[in-house]
C-alpha cells in the first residue's frame, strides 16, 4: 500500500482543523473571488451603443439589431448571449465608455431550463439620416464623440446638430434661411453617403 506523503498529511490535518476547502453551496451562496470573471452585463446608462464590444467578441456572443420601422422612435437593441459567452473580458476592455458600458460581474449562476432565455438586452435611441432614413449611430454615441472632439464638433453638421438637439437649443429656422442658397440639405443630420452626395450636388 502506498503511504501518504508528508505534504498530504499536513493538508489532511489542516482540513480536519479548519474545515473543508469547498463552500457549502447550494445550502449557502458561494462568494466568488474578487478577480472572478463572471457574466458581462450592459449598463444601460453608460453604454453608448457603439458596437465595439460586438466587434472584438471572439465567439460572437454579442450582436445588435436596429429597429427603424417607427422613424419617430428608432432603437438599437444590444444583445448579449450568455450561453455562448466565454467570459474573456474582451468586451469590457474594448468599451469606449471608460470600460463601463459593459462590465464583467460576479454573477455565475447562469443555468437555464430553456437556452432561448440565455441572453440579456438593452435598448438605445438611434439617430437616422434625415435624407435616406438609414441608421447613423446611437444618439449617445454621437454625444460621446462630440464631447471628445470639443469645439471641433462644429466642423460636422451631423455632430453639432445632434448635440444641439440633445440640449434642446437647435434652431429649426437655420434650414429655411439657407434654402435660397441651395445649401439647406447640408445643414442636416446625414449619413456619410448622403453627406458626400449633397456635397457633390450642392450649388
Protein backbone atom coordinates (compact mmCIF):
# COMPACT_ATOMS: atom_id res chain seq x y z
CA UNK A 1 0.00 0.00 0.00
CA UNK A 2 1.30 3.41 -0.93
CA UNK A 3 1.93 5.62 2.09
CA UNK A 4 0.82 9.30 2.01
CA UNK A 5 3.47 11.94 1.59
CA UNK A 6 4.24 14.39 4.37
CA UNK A 7 2.64 17.27 2.42
CA UNK A 8 -0.57 15.30 2.02
CA UNK A 9 -0.67 14.56 5.73
CA UNK A 10 -0.24 18.25 6.53
CA UNK A 11 -3.08 19.16 4.17
CA UNK A 12 -5.30 16.49 5.71
CA UNK A 13 -4.66 17.79 9.22
CA UNK A 14 -5.41 21.36 8.10
CA UNK A 15 -8.68 20.18 6.58
CA UNK A 16 -9.66 18.48 9.85
CA UNK A 17 -8.85 21.58 11.91
CA UNK A 18 -10.03 24.35 9.58
CA UNK A 19 -12.83 22.51 7.81
CA UNK A 20 -13.43 21.64 4.18
CA UNK A 21 -11.92 23.71 1.37
CA UNK A 22 -15.15 23.70 -0.60
CA UNK A 23 -18.10 26.01 0.08
CA UNK A 24 -21.47 24.78 1.32
CA UNK A 25 -23.18 25.66 -1.95
CA UNK A 26 -26.11 25.34 -2.64
CA UNK A 27 -27.03 25.40 1.06
CA UNK A 28 -25.16 28.69 1.36
CA UNK A 29 -24.49 31.10 -1.53
CA UNK A 30 -20.99 30.92 -2.93
CA UNK A 31 -18.93 34.13 -2.80
CA UNK A 32 -16.50 34.15 -5.74
CA UNK A 33 -13.01 35.63 -5.63
CA UNK A 34 -12.89 39.39 -6.44
CA UNK A 35 -10.95 38.62 -9.63
CA UNK A 36 -13.52 36.07 -10.77
CA UNK A 37 -14.74 36.72 -14.32
CA UNK A 38 -18.49 36.31 -14.28
CA UNK A 39 -21.18 37.24 -16.77
CA UNK A 40 -20.60 40.50 -18.66
CA UNK A 41 -23.52 42.89 -18.19
CA UNK A 42 -24.54 46.00 -20.09
CA UNK A 43 -25.03 49.28 -18.24
CA UNK A 44 -27.98 50.94 -19.98
CA UNK A 45 -26.92 54.39 -18.76
CA UNK A 46 -23.23 54.21 -19.70
CA UNK A 47 -23.33 52.10 -22.87
CA UNK A 48 -23.33 54.31 -25.98
CA UNK A 49 -24.31 51.57 -28.44
CA UNK A 50 -21.11 51.86 -30.49
CA UNK A 51 -20.83 48.05 -31.02
CA UNK A 52 -17.11 47.98 -30.17
CA UNK A 53 -17.82 45.03 -27.86
CA UNK A 54 -19.51 43.21 -30.73
CA UNK A 55 -16.50 43.75 -32.99
CA UNK A 56 -14.00 42.20 -30.57
CA UNK A 57 -16.06 39.30 -29.21
CA UNK A 58 -14.18 36.14 -30.27
CA UNK A 59 -17.25 33.86 -30.03
CA UNK A 60 -19.87 36.26 -31.47
CA UNK A 61 -21.77 36.34 -28.18
CA UNK A 62 -22.76 40.00 -28.75
CA UNK A 63 -24.81 41.42 -31.58
CA UNK A 64 -27.14 44.31 -32.28
CA UNK A 65 -30.44 44.75 -34.08
CA UNK A 66 -31.64 48.09 -35.43
CA UNK A 67 -35.37 48.71 -35.40
CA UNK A 68 -36.25 51.53 -37.79
CA UNK A 69 -39.82 50.56 -38.57
CA UNK A 70 -41.01 53.51 -36.49
CA UNK A 71 -38.99 56.53 -37.74
CA UNK A 72 -40.20 58.56 -34.77
CA UNK A 73 -38.73 56.09 -32.28
CA UNK A 74 -35.83 54.16 -33.86
CA UNK A 75 -33.89 51.96 -31.46
CA UNK A 76 -30.80 49.77 -31.41
CA UNK A 77 -31.03 46.64 -29.28
CA UNK A 78 -27.72 45.37 -27.92
CA UNK A 79 -27.86 41.63 -27.22
CA UNK A 80 -25.52 39.50 -25.11
CA UNK A 81 -25.90 35.70 -25.38
CA UNK A 82 -24.92 34.22 -22.03
CA UNK A 83 -24.79 30.63 -23.24
CA UNK A 84 -22.23 31.49 -25.94
CA UNK A 85 -20.05 33.86 -23.89
CA UNK A 86 -16.70 32.58 -22.61
CA UNK A 87 -16.30 35.47 -20.12
CA UNK A 88 -12.95 36.51 -21.60
CA UNK A 89 -13.43 40.21 -20.81
CA UNK A 90 -12.55 41.49 -24.28
CA UNK A 91 -15.85 43.39 -24.44
CA UNK A 92 -15.08 45.34 -21.28
CA UNK A 93 -11.52 46.03 -22.42
CA UNK A 94 -12.74 47.44 -25.77
CA UNK A 95 -15.60 49.54 -24.35
CA UNK A 96 -15.08 53.19 -25.32
CA UNK A 97 -17.26 54.44 -22.44
CA UNK A 98 -14.38 54.20 -19.93
CA UNK A 99 -14.81 50.41 -19.93
CA UNK A 100 -18.13 50.79 -18.12
CA UNK A 101 -20.71 50.27 -20.88
CA UNK A 102 -20.35 46.52 -20.42
CA UNK A 103 -18.52 45.03 -17.44
CA UNK A 104 -17.74 41.62 -16.05
CA UNK A 105 -19.80 40.83 -12.97
CA UNK A 106 -19.59 38.23 -10.20
CA UNK A 107 -22.74 36.52 -11.44
CA UNK A 108 -22.02 32.91 -12.23
CA UNK A 109 -25.26 31.03 -11.51
CA UNK A 110 -26.42 31.04 -15.12
CA UNK A 111 -28.40 27.83 -15.54
CA UNK A 112 -31.46 27.91 -17.77
CA UNK A 113 -34.13 25.34 -18.46
CA UNK A 114 -34.53 26.89 -21.92
CA UNK A 115 -31.50 28.23 -23.79
CA UNK A 116 -33.76 30.70 -25.56
CA UNK A 117 -33.76 32.66 -22.29
CA UNK A 118 -29.96 32.78 -22.02
CA UNK A 119 -29.49 36.38 -23.12
CA UNK A 120 -29.83 39.98 -21.96
CA UNK A 121 -30.69 43.12 -23.92
CA UNK A 122 -30.69 46.89 -23.61
CA UNK A 123 -32.21 49.44 -25.99
CA UNK A 124 -30.50 52.61 -27.16
CA UNK A 125 -32.05 55.52 -29.06
CA UNK A 126 -30.91 55.52 -32.67
CA UNK A 127 -30.21 58.51 -34.94
CA UNK A 128 -31.39 58.15 -38.54
CA UNK A 129 -30.17 60.01 -41.61
CA UNK A 130 -32.60 62.84 -42.38
CA UNK A 131 -32.46 62.08 -46.12
CA UNK A 132 -32.30 58.31 -46.66
CA UNK A 133 -33.53 57.21 -43.23
CA UNK A 134 -30.69 54.74 -42.65
CA UNK A 135 -29.11 54.40 -39.17
CA UNK A 136 -26.10 56.64 -38.47
CA UNK A 137 -25.30 55.80 -34.86
CA UNK A 138 -26.88 55.82 -31.44
CA UNK A 139 -27.58 59.31 -30.13
CA UNK A 140 -25.47 58.59 -27.05
CA UNK A 141 -22.57 57.64 -29.33
CA UNK A 142 -22.83 60.90 -31.28
CA UNK A 143 -22.95 62.80 -28.00
CA UNK A 144 -19.86 60.91 -26.78
CA UNK A 145 -17.97 61.82 -29.99
CA UNK A 146 -18.91 65.50 -29.73
CA UNK A 147 -17.74 65.63 -26.12
CA UNK A 148 -14.40 64.10 -27.13
CA UNK A 149 -13.92 66.50 -30.05
CA UNK A 150 -14.91 69.63 -28.16
CA UNK A 151 -15.05 72.68 -30.44
CA UNK A 152 -14.03 70.53 -33.43
CA UNK A 153 -17.60 69.21 -33.30
CA UNK A 154 -18.65 72.31 -35.26
CA UNK A 155 -16.80 71.01 -38.33
CA UNK A 156 -19.52 68.35 -38.73
CA UNK A 157 -23.20 69.37 -39.07
CA UNK A 158 -24.25 65.85 -38.07
CA UNK A 159 -22.37 66.10 -34.80
CA UNK A 160 -23.20 69.66 -33.80
CA UNK A 161 -26.87 69.40 -34.78
CA UNK A 162 -27.16 66.15 -32.80
CA UNK A 163 -25.52 67.86 -29.85
CA UNK A 164 -27.72 70.96 -30.07
CA UNK A 165 -30.86 68.84 -30.37
CA UNK A 166 -29.89 66.84 -27.30
CA UNK A 167 -29.52 70.14 -25.44
CA UNK A 168 -32.87 71.34 -26.78
CA UNK A 169 -31.44 74.53 -28.32
CA UNK A 170 -31.37 73.77 -32.06
CA UNK A 171 -32.85 76.48 -34.28
CA UNK A 172 -35.03 74.86 -36.94
CA UNK A 173 -35.12 78.17 -38.88
CA UNK A 174 -31.50 77.71 -39.93
CA UNK A 175 -32.55 75.36 -42.73
CA UNK A 176 -35.19 77.68 -44.16
CA UNK A 177 -32.69 80.54 -44.05
CA UNK A 178 -30.36 78.60 -46.34
CA UNK A 179 -32.93 77.31 -48.83
CA UNK A 180 -32.44 80.18 -51.25
CA UNK A 181 -28.72 79.38 -51.43
CA UNK A 182 -29.33 75.71 -52.20
CA UNK A 183 -27.41 74.58 -49.14
CA UNK A 184 -30.21 73.60 -46.78
CA UNK A 185 -29.59 69.89 -47.36
CA UNK A 186 -26.10 70.35 -45.91
CA UNK A 187 -27.42 71.55 -42.56
CA UNK A 188 -28.94 68.21 -41.62
CA UNK A 189 -28.03 65.09 -39.70
CA UNK A 190 -26.78 62.87 -42.52
CA UNK A 191 -25.08 59.53 -43.02
CA UNK A 192 -21.70 59.50 -44.77
CA UNK A 193 -23.16 58.56 -48.18
CA UNK A 194 -25.80 61.30 -48.18
CA UNK A 195 -23.26 63.82 -46.87
CA UNK A 196 -20.99 63.02 -49.82
CA UNK A 197 -23.83 63.22 -52.36
CA UNK A 198 -25.13 66.54 -51.05
CA UNK A 199 -21.60 67.93 -51.11
CA UNK A 200 -21.12 66.94 -54.76
CA UNK A 201 -24.53 68.20 -55.91
CA UNK A 202 -24.75 71.41 -53.86
CA UNK A 203 -24.85 74.65 -55.86
